[in-house]
C-alpha atoms as a PDB file:
ATOM      1  CA  UNK A   1     -50.619 -24.787 -27.979  1.00  0.00           C
ATOM      2  CA  UNK A   2     -48.436 -27.970 -27.625  1.00  0.00           C
ATOM      3  CA  UNK A   3     -45.499 -26.090 -29.057  1.00  0.00           C
ATOM      4  CA  UNK A   4     -46.371 -23.171 -26.826  1.00  0.00           C
ATOM      5  CA  UNK A   5     -46.223 -25.543 -23.516  1.00  0.00           C
ATOM      6  CA  UNK A   6     -42.707 -26.362 -24.791  1.00  0.00           C
ATOM      7  CA  UNK A   7     -41.661 -23.399 -25.029  1.00  0.00           C
ATOM      8  CA  UNK A   8     -42.856 -22.222 -21.518  1.00  0.00           C
ATOM      9  CA  UNK A   9     -41.301 -25.097 -20.071  1.00  0.00           C
ATOM     10  CA  UNK A  10     -38.117 -24.390 -21.243  1.00  0.00           C
ATOM     11  CA  UNK A  11     -38.768 -20.578 -20.407  1.00  0.00           C
ATOM     12  CA  UNK A  12     -38.999 -21.545 -16.707  1.00  0.00           C
ATOM     13  CA  UNK A  13     -36.366 -24.282 -16.845  1.00  0.00           C
ATOM     14  CA  UNK A  14     -33.503 -21.664 -18.497  1.00  0.00           C
ATOM     15  CA  UNK A  15     -35.380 -19.094 -15.695  1.00  0.00           C
ATOM     16  CA  UNK A  16     -34.549 -21.241 -12.866  1.00  0.00           C
ATOM     17  CA  UNK A  17     -31.492 -22.356 -13.872  1.00  0.00           C
ATOM     18  CA  UNK A  18     -30.407 -18.836 -13.553  1.00  0.00           C
ATOM     19  CA  UNK A  19     -31.693 -18.629 -10.454  1.00  0.00           C
ATOM     20  CA  UNK A  20     -29.916 -21.399  -9.136  1.00  0.00           C
ATOM     21  CA  UNK A  21     -26.608 -20.150 -10.646  1.00  0.00           C
ATOM     22  CA  UNK A  22     -27.044 -16.345  -8.755  1.00  0.00           C
ATOM     23  CA  UNK A  23     -28.278 -18.186  -5.510  1.00  0.00           C
ATOM     24  CA  UNK A  24     -25.585 -20.748  -5.510  1.00  0.00           C
ATOM     25  CA  UNK A  25     -23.193 -17.984  -6.098  1.00  0.00           C
ATOM     26  CA  UNK A  26     -24.781 -16.094  -2.783  1.00  0.00           C
ATOM     27  CA  UNK A  27     -24.874 -18.562  -0.284  1.00  0.00           C
ATOM     28  CA  UNK A  28     -21.497 -20.434  -1.123  1.00  0.00           C
ATOM     29  CA  UNK A  29     -19.281 -21.047   1.946  1.00  0.00           C
ATOM     30  CA  UNK A  30     -15.855 -19.302   1.880  1.00  0.00           C
ATOM     31  CA  UNK A  31     -13.060 -21.705   2.589  1.00  0.00           C
ATOM     32  CA  UNK A  32     -10.520 -19.889   4.791  1.00  0.00           C
ATOM     33  CA  UNK A  33      -8.056 -22.537   4.537  1.00  0.00           C
ATOM     34  CA  UNK A  34      -7.391 -20.940   1.278  1.00  0.00           C
ATOM     35  CA  UNK A  35      -6.038 -17.346   2.045  1.00  0.00           C
ATOM     36  CA  UNK A  36      -5.155 -14.880  -1.658  1.00  0.00           C
ATOM     37  CA  UNK A  37      -1.574 -16.037  -2.384  1.00  0.00           C
ATOM     38  CA  UNK A  38       1.351 -13.460  -2.066  1.00  0.00           C
ATOM     39  CA  UNK A  39       3.428 -13.065  -5.110  1.00  0.00           C
ATOM     40  CA  UNK A  40       6.514 -14.414  -2.629  1.00  0.00           C
ATOM     41  CA  UNK A  41       4.113 -17.813  -1.968  1.00  0.00           C
ATOM     42  CA  UNK A  42       3.010 -17.690  -6.023  1.00  0.00           C
ATOM     43  CA  UNK A  43       7.149 -17.524  -6.788  1.00  0.00           C
ATOM     44  CA  UNK A  44       7.661 -21.167  -5.077  1.00  0.00           C
ATOM     45  CA  UNK A  45       4.579 -22.561  -6.404  1.00  0.00           C
ATOM     46  CA  UNK A  46       3.778 -24.317 -10.123  1.00  0.00           C
ATOM     47  CA  UNK A  47       1.475 -22.469 -12.066  1.00  0.00           C
ATOM     48  CA  UNK A  48      -1.126 -25.772 -11.267  1.00  0.00           C
ATOM     49  CA  UNK A  49      -0.820 -25.441  -7.661  1.00  0.00           C
ATOM     50  CA  UNK A  50      -1.456 -21.729  -8.060  1.00  0.00           C
ATOM     51  CA  UNK A  51      -4.692 -22.777  -9.958  1.00  0.00           C
ATOM     52  CA  UNK A  52      -5.732 -25.377  -7.770  1.00  0.00           C
ATOM     53  CA  UNK A  53      -5.097 -22.769  -4.803  1.00  0.00           C
ATOM     54  CA  UNK A  54      -7.008 -19.870  -6.532  1.00  0.00           C
ATOM     55  CA  UNK A  55      -9.568 -22.312  -7.192  1.00  0.00           C
ATOM     56  CA  UNK A  56     -10.517 -22.596  -3.093  1.00  0.00           C
ATOM     57  CA  UNK A  57      -9.629 -19.158  -2.515  1.00  0.00           C
ATOM     58  CA  UNK A  58     -12.454 -18.101  -4.551  1.00  0.00           C
ATOM     59  CA  UNK A  59     -14.680 -20.314  -2.885  1.00  0.00           C
ATOM     60  CA  UNK A  60     -17.771 -18.011  -1.190  1.00  0.00           C
ATOM     61  CA  UNK A  61     -16.104 -14.668  -2.547  1.00  0.00           C
ATOM     62  CA  UNK A  62     -19.171 -13.623  -3.493  1.00  0.00           C
ATOM     63  CA  UNK A  63     -21.280 -14.807  -0.718  1.00  0.00           C
ATOM     64  CA  UNK A  64     -24.399 -12.369   0.327  1.00  0.00           C
ATOM     65  CA  UNK A  65     -22.640  -9.915  -2.448  1.00  0.00           C
ATOM     66  CA  UNK A  66     -25.435  -6.972  -2.448  1.00  0.00           C
ATOM     67  CA  UNK A  67     -24.483  -5.988  -6.209  1.00  0.00           C
ATOM     68  CA  UNK A  68     -25.668  -9.850  -7.193  1.00  0.00           C
ATOM     69  CA  UNK A  69     -28.048 -10.179  -4.758  1.00  0.00           C
ATOM     70  CA  UNK A  70     -29.364  -6.911  -6.401  1.00  0.00           C
ATOM     71  CA  UNK A  71     -29.444  -8.457  -9.924  1.00  0.00           C
ATOM     72  CA  UNK A  72     -31.300 -11.550  -8.133  1.00  0.00           C
ATOM     73  CA  UNK A  73     -34.251  -8.868  -6.791  1.00  0.00           C
ATOM     74  CA  UNK A  74     -34.261  -7.152 -10.075  1.00  0.00           C
ATOM     75  CA  UNK A  75     -34.863 -10.555 -12.355  1.00  0.00           C
ATOM     76  CA  UNK A  76     -37.640 -11.697  -9.504  1.00  0.00           C
ATOM     77  CA  UNK A  77     -39.338  -8.204  -9.573  1.00  0.00           C
ATOM     78  CA  UNK A  78     -39.441  -8.819 -13.449  1.00  0.00           C
ATOM     79  CA  UNK A  79     -41.231 -11.674 -12.991  1.00  0.00           C
ATOM     80  CA  UNK A  80     -43.744 -10.527 -10.746  1.00  0.00           C
ATOM     81  CA  UNK A  81     -47.158  -7.869 -11.416  1.00  0.00           C
ATOM     82  CA  UNK A  82     -49.044  -7.571 -14.468  1.00  0.00           C
ATOM     83  CA  UNK A  83     -46.905  -7.836 -17.407  1.00  0.00           C
ATOM     84  CA  UNK A  84     -47.520  -6.618 -21.251  1.00  0.00           C
ATOM     85  CA  UNK A  85     -50.056  -4.906 -22.790  1.00  0.00           C
ATOM     86  CA  UNK A  86     -52.325  -8.105 -22.005  1.00  0.00           C
ATOM     87  CA  UNK A  87     -52.457  -7.095 -18.240  1.00  0.00           C
ATOM     88  CA  UNK A  88     -51.877 -10.428 -16.803  1.00  0.00           C
ATOM     89  CA  UNK A  89     -49.937 -12.099 -14.464  1.00  0.00           C
ATOM     90  CA  UNK A  90     -47.747 -15.232 -14.364  1.00  0.00           C
ATOM     91  CA  UNK A  91     -49.815 -16.715 -11.558  1.00  0.00           C
ATOM     92  CA  UNK A  92     -52.847 -16.091 -14.033  1.00  0.00           C
ATOM     93  CA  UNK A  93     -51.200 -19.231 -16.059  1.00  0.00           C
ATOM     94  CA  UNK A  94     -51.082 -20.943 -13.155  1.00  0.00           C
ATOM     95  CA  UNK A  95     -47.178 -20.210 -12.678  1.00  0.00           C
ATOM     96  CA  UNK A  96     -45.905 -19.288  -9.339  1.00  0.00           C
ATOM     97  CA  UNK A  97     -42.951 -19.218  -7.339  1.00  0.00           C
ATOM     98  CA  UNK A  98     -41.728 -21.967  -5.390  1.00  0.00           C
ATOM     99  CA  UNK A  99     -41.298 -22.895  -1.687  1.00  0.00           C
ATOM    100  CA  UNK A 100     -39.125 -20.054   0.037  1.00  0.00           C
ATOM    101  CA  UNK A 101     -35.873 -22.559   0.798  1.00  0.00           C
ATOM    102  CA  UNK A 102     -36.379 -22.522  -3.857  1.00  0.00           C
ATOM    103  CA  UNK A 103     -34.852 -18.613  -3.923  1.00  0.00           C
ATOM    104  CA  UNK A 104     -37.797 -17.768  -6.040  1.00  0.00           C
ATOM    105  CA  UNK A 105     -37.626 -20.206  -9.204  1.00  0.00           C
ATOM    106  CA  UNK A 106     -40.514 -20.718 -10.901  1.00  0.00           C
ATOM    107  CA  UNK A 107     -43.021 -23.495 -11.264  1.00  0.00           C
ATOM    108  CA  UNK A 108     -46.327 -24.787 -12.714  1.00  0.00           C
ATOM    109  CA  UNK A 109     -48.218 -24.663  -9.751  1.00  0.00           C
ATOM    110  CA  UNK A 110     -51.798 -25.675 -11.478  1.00  0.00           C
ATOM    111  CA  UNK A 111     -51.288 -27.816 -14.680  1.00  0.00           C
ATOM    112  CA  UNK A 112     -55.095 -27.176 -15.564  1.00  0.00           C
ATOM    113  CA  UNK A 113     -54.887 -23.944 -15.011  1.00  0.00           C
ATOM    114  CA  UNK A 114     -52.193 -23.317 -17.388  1.00  0.00           C
ATOM    115  CA  UNK A 115     -53.318 -26.061 -20.194  1.00  0.00           C
ATOM    116  CA  UNK A 116     -56.733 -23.729 -20.218  1.00  0.00           C
ATOM    117  CA  UNK A 117     -54.665 -20.465 -20.422  1.00  0.00           C
ATOM    118  CA  UNK A 118     -52.805 -22.164 -23.148  1.00  0.00           C
ATOM    119  CA  UNK A 119     -56.050 -22.706 -24.887  1.00  0.00           C
ATOM    120  CA  UNK A 120     -57.437 -19.631 -24.109  1.00  0.00           C
ATOM    121  CA  UNK A 121     -55.324 -16.616 -23.749  1.00  0.00           C
ATOM    122  CA  UNK A 122     -53.096 -17.039 -26.903  1.00  0.00           C
ATOM    123  CA  UNK A 123     -52.800 -13.767 -27.803  1.00  0.00           C
ATOM    124  CA  UNK A 124     -52.333 -12.320 -24.032  1.00  0.00           C
ATOM    125  CA  UNK A 125     -49.882 -14.898 -23.530  1.00  0.00           C
ATOM    126  CA  UNK A 126     -47.778 -13.524 -26.325  1.00  0.00           C
ATOM    127  CA  UNK A 127     -47.778 -10.153 -25.482  1.00  0.00           C
ATOM    128  CA  UNK A 128     -46.692 -11.364 -21.609  1.00  0.00           C
ATOM    129  CA  UNK A 129     -43.424 -12.261 -23.489  1.00  0.00           C
ATOM    130  CA  UNK A 130     -43.078  -9.795 -26.565  1.00  0.00           C
ATOM    131  CA  UNK A 131     -44.555  -6.648 -25.733  1.00  0.00           C
ATOM    132  CA  UNK A 132     -41.808  -4.168 -26.852  1.00  0.00           C
ATOM    133  CA  UNK A 133     -42.841  -1.754 -23.236  1.00  0.00           C
ATOM    134  CA  UNK A 134     -43.544  -4.138 -20.469  1.00  0.00           C
ATOM    135  CA  UNK A 135     -43.339  -7.746 -21.485  1.00  0.00           C
ATOM    136  CA  UNK A 136     -41.261 -10.431 -19.678  1.00  0.00           C
ATOM    137  CA  UNK A 137     -38.368 -10.707 -22.224  1.00  0.00           C
ATOM    138  CA  UNK A 138     -37.791  -6.740 -22.459  1.00  0.00           C
ATOM    139  CA  UNK A 139     -38.211  -6.336 -18.450  1.00  0.00           C
ATOM    140  CA  UNK A 140     -35.642  -9.505 -18.006  1.00  0.00           C
ATOM    141  CA  UNK A 141     -32.935  -7.933 -20.545  1.00  0.00           C
ATOM    142  CA  UNK A 142     -33.255  -5.074 -19.002  1.00  0.00           C
ATOM    143  CA  UNK A 143     -32.532  -6.461 -15.676  1.00  0.00           C
ATOM    144  CA  UNK A 144     -29.347  -8.073 -16.950  1.00  0.00           C
ATOM    145  CA  UNK A 145     -28.360  -5.308 -19.717  1.00  0.00           C
ATOM    146  CA  UNK A 146     -28.472  -3.070 -16.518  1.00  0.00           C
ATOM    147  CA  UNK A 147     -25.865  -5.387 -14.897  1.00  0.00           C
ATOM    148  CA  UNK A 148     -23.818  -6.152 -17.646  1.00  0.00           C
ATOM    149  CA  UNK A 149     -23.946  -3.700 -19.984  1.00  0.00           C
ATOM    150  CA  UNK A 150     -20.422  -3.579 -22.240  1.00  0.00           C
ATOM    151  CA  UNK A 151     -21.340  -0.409 -24.135  1.00  0.00           C
ATOM    152  CA  UNK A 152     -20.780   2.917 -23.875  1.00  0.00           C
ATOM    153  CA  UNK A 153     -19.168   5.196 -21.611  1.00  0.00           C
ATOM    154  CA  UNK A 154     -17.125   3.612 -18.187  1.00  0.00           C
ATOM    155  CA  UNK A 155     -20.179   5.391 -16.211  1.00  0.00           C
ATOM    156  CA  UNK A 156     -22.671   4.043 -18.338  1.00  0.00           C
ATOM    157  CA  UNK A 157     -21.510   0.176 -18.403  1.00  0.00           C
ATOM    158  CA  UNK A 158     -23.463  -2.197 -16.267  1.00  0.00           C
ATOM    159  CA  UNK A 159     -23.287  -2.051 -12.380  1.00  0.00           C
ATOM    160  CA  UNK A 160     -21.279  -5.219 -11.603  1.00  0.00           C
ATOM    161  CA  UNK A 161     -18.958  -3.736 -14.373  1.00  0.00           C
ATOM    162  CA  UNK A 162     -18.601  -0.669 -12.979  1.00  0.00           C
ATOM    163  CA  UNK A 163     -17.844  -2.394  -9.466  1.00  0.00           C
ATOM    164  CA  UNK A 164     -15.604  -5.112 -10.896  1.00  0.00           C
ATOM    165  CA  UNK A 165     -14.455  -4.362 -14.701  1.00  0.00           C
ATOM    166  CA  UNK A 166     -14.321  -6.466 -17.459  1.00  0.00           C
ATOM    167  CA  UNK A 167     -10.680  -7.936 -19.199  1.00  0.00           C
ATOM    168  CA  UNK A 168      -9.342  -6.080 -21.850  1.00  0.00           C
ATOM    169  CA  UNK A 169     -11.011  -2.958 -21.457  1.00  0.00           C
ATOM    170  CA  UNK A 170     -10.891   0.151 -19.967  1.00  0.00           C
ATOM    171  CA  UNK A 171     -12.717  -0.929 -16.586  1.00  0.00           C
ATOM    172  CA  UNK A 172     -10.000  -3.594 -16.133  1.00  0.00           C
ATOM    173  CA  UNK A 173      -8.454  -1.097 -13.980  1.00  0.00           C
ATOM    174  CA  UNK A 174     -10.796   1.868 -13.896  1.00  0.00           C
ATOM    175  CA  UNK A 175     -13.227   0.124 -11.577  1.00  0.00           C
ATOM    176  CA  UNK A 176     -14.518   0.461  -8.070  1.00  0.00           C
ATOM    177  CA  UNK A 177     -12.698  -2.500  -6.397  1.00  0.00           C
ATOM    178  CA  UNK A 178      -9.809  -1.472  -8.445  1.00  0.00           C
ATOM    179  CA  UNK A 179      -9.931   2.008  -6.818  1.00  0.00           C
ATOM    180  CA  UNK A 180     -10.781   0.090  -3.581  1.00  0.00           C
ATOM    181  CA  UNK A 181      -7.349  -1.451  -3.780  1.00  0.00           C
ATOM    182  CA  UNK A 182      -5.290   1.151  -5.663  1.00  0.00           C
ATOM    183  CA  UNK A 183      -6.648   3.504  -2.030  1.00  0.00           C
ATOM    184  CA  UNK A 184      -5.135   0.508   0.253  1.00  0.00           C
ATOM    185  CA  UNK A 185      -2.072   0.069  -1.739  1.00  0.00           C
ATOM    186  CA  UNK A 186      -1.243   3.950  -1.190  1.00  0.00           C
ATOM    187  CA  UNK A 187      -2.546   3.600   2.478  1.00  0.00           C
ATOM    188  CA  UNK A 188       0.027   0.533   2.977  1.00  0.00           C
ATOM    189  CA  UNK A 189       2.826   2.474   1.405  1.00  0.00           C
ATOM    190  CA  UNK A 190       2.454   5.349   3.583  1.00  0.00           C
ATOM    191  CA  UNK A 191       2.414   3.172   6.780  1.00  0.00           C
ATOM    192  CA  UNK A 192       5.283   1.452   5.334  1.00  0.00           C
ATOM    193  CA  UNK A 193       6.763   5.319   5.493  1.00  0.00           C
ATOM    194  CA  UNK A 194       5.804   6.090   8.737  1.00  0.00           C
ATOM    195  CA  UNK A 195       7.211   2.677  10.374  1.00  0.00           C
ATOM    196  CA  UNK A 196      10.423   3.340   8.761  1.00  0.00           C
ATOM    197  CA  UNK A 197      10.530   6.803   9.903  1.00  0.00           C
ATOM    198  CA  UNK A 198       9.720   5.440  13.633  1.00  0.00           C
ATOM    199  CA  UNK A 199      11.901   3.007  13.292  1.00  0.00           C
ATOM    200  CA  UNK A 200      15.048   5.489  12.544  1.00  0.00           C
ATOM    201  CA  UNK A 201      14.090   7.890  15.214  1.00  0.00           C
ATOM    202  CA  UNK A 202      13.645   4.629  17.702  1.00  0.00           C
ATOM    203  CA  UNK A 203      17.203   3.530  16.621  1.00  0.00           C
ATOM    204  CA  UNK A 204      18.376   6.976  16.349  1.00  0.00           C
ATOM    205  CA  UNK A 205      17.130   6.999  20.651  1.00  0.00           C
ATOM    206  CA  UNK A 206      19.082   3.933  20.812  1.00  0.00           C
ATOM    207  CA  UNK A 207      22.131   4.868  19.503  1.00  0.00           C
ATOM    208  CA  UNK A 208      21.780   8.124  21.770  1.00  0.00           C
ATOM    209  CA  UNK A 209      21.503   5.732  24.923  1.00  0.00           C
ATOM    210  CA  UNK A 210      23.717   3.487  24.129  1.00  0.00           C
ATOM    211  CA  UNK A 211      26.299   6.353  23.551  1.00  0.00           C
ATOM    212  CA  UNK A 212      25.156   7.709  26.950  1.00  0.00           C
ATOM    213  CA  UNK A 213      25.885   4.288  28.638  1.00  0.00           C
ATOM    214  CA  UNK A 214      29.336   3.607  27.251  1.00  0.00           C
ATOM    215  CA  UNK A 215      30.061   7.601  28.733  1.00  0.00           C
ATOM    216  CA  UNK A 216      28.644   6.618  31.806  1.00  0.00           C
ATOM    217  CA  UNK A 217      30.301   3.572  32.236  1.00  0.00           C
ATOM    218  CA  UNK A 218      33.693   5.271  31.493  1.00  0.00           C
ATOM    219  CA  UNK A 219      32.711   8.059  34.052  1.00  0.00           C
ATOM    220  CA  UNK A 220      32.081   5.208  36.695  1.00  0.00           C
ATOM    221  CA  UNK A 221      35.208   3.278  35.635  1.00  0.00           C
ATOM    222  CA  UNK A 222      37.108   6.561  36.334  1.00  0.00           C
ATOM    223  CA  UNK A 223      35.544   7.198  39.317  1.00  0.00           C
ATOM    224  CA  UNK A 224      36.085   3.559  40.788  1.00  0.00           C
ATOM    225  CA  UNK A 225      39.795   3.988  39.792  1.00  0.00           C
ATOM    226  CA  UNK A 226      40.261   7.540  41.406  1.00  0.00           C
ATOM    227  CA  UNK A 227      38.502   6.169  44.688  1.00  0.00           C
ATOM    228  CA  UNK A 228      41.105   2.801  44.687  1.00  0.00           C
ATOM    229  CA  UNK A 229      43.574   5.374  44.403  1.00  0.00           C
ATOM    230  CA  UNK A 230      42.841   7.511  47.430  1.00  0.00           C
END
């Protein structure tokens, strides 16, 4: 049972590290002093300056991100309820989630219960983790695979990849964020065209007004000369 105990504690530690990582991204505050760089700004900076700037600009970029929060919820659901054909819960082993501020991390809250379960429920513990249909390993794998799956057609890939894409694959451009950027760029170009058309229209009116003013001044001057002539 000592080997199982070490494996369980190692599993809890690794799971909690994932929870810490995801929660850290979800709660990281943005650094508003470092907005994204424009191409003109990048041309005036060195690669190291750009790298440092973008590192700070990316802080908080996933704060409260819906897709990432969905992954976190899936992981927590995978760890709750009766699991495996042994139909036991982690709480039956003395393992529970910690305080609310811990964000769903696991803890061995009852060491005596945990030690007793290792001695008397070995088969059920094995099924709890290894059951091919509903075991913890299978449920966690499915939760993560649903988020980051790289195989299959683009529309069948994990939801995070469908959202943001992955480098050196067809999803690098064929993803939701890229499509949103493309639509925004088209909108910007359309607005630029409208601005240019409005500018030409206003310049045309201004030129016509200037021409009319010059004609008016000439007529006024002629009338003045005619008046003085009399």
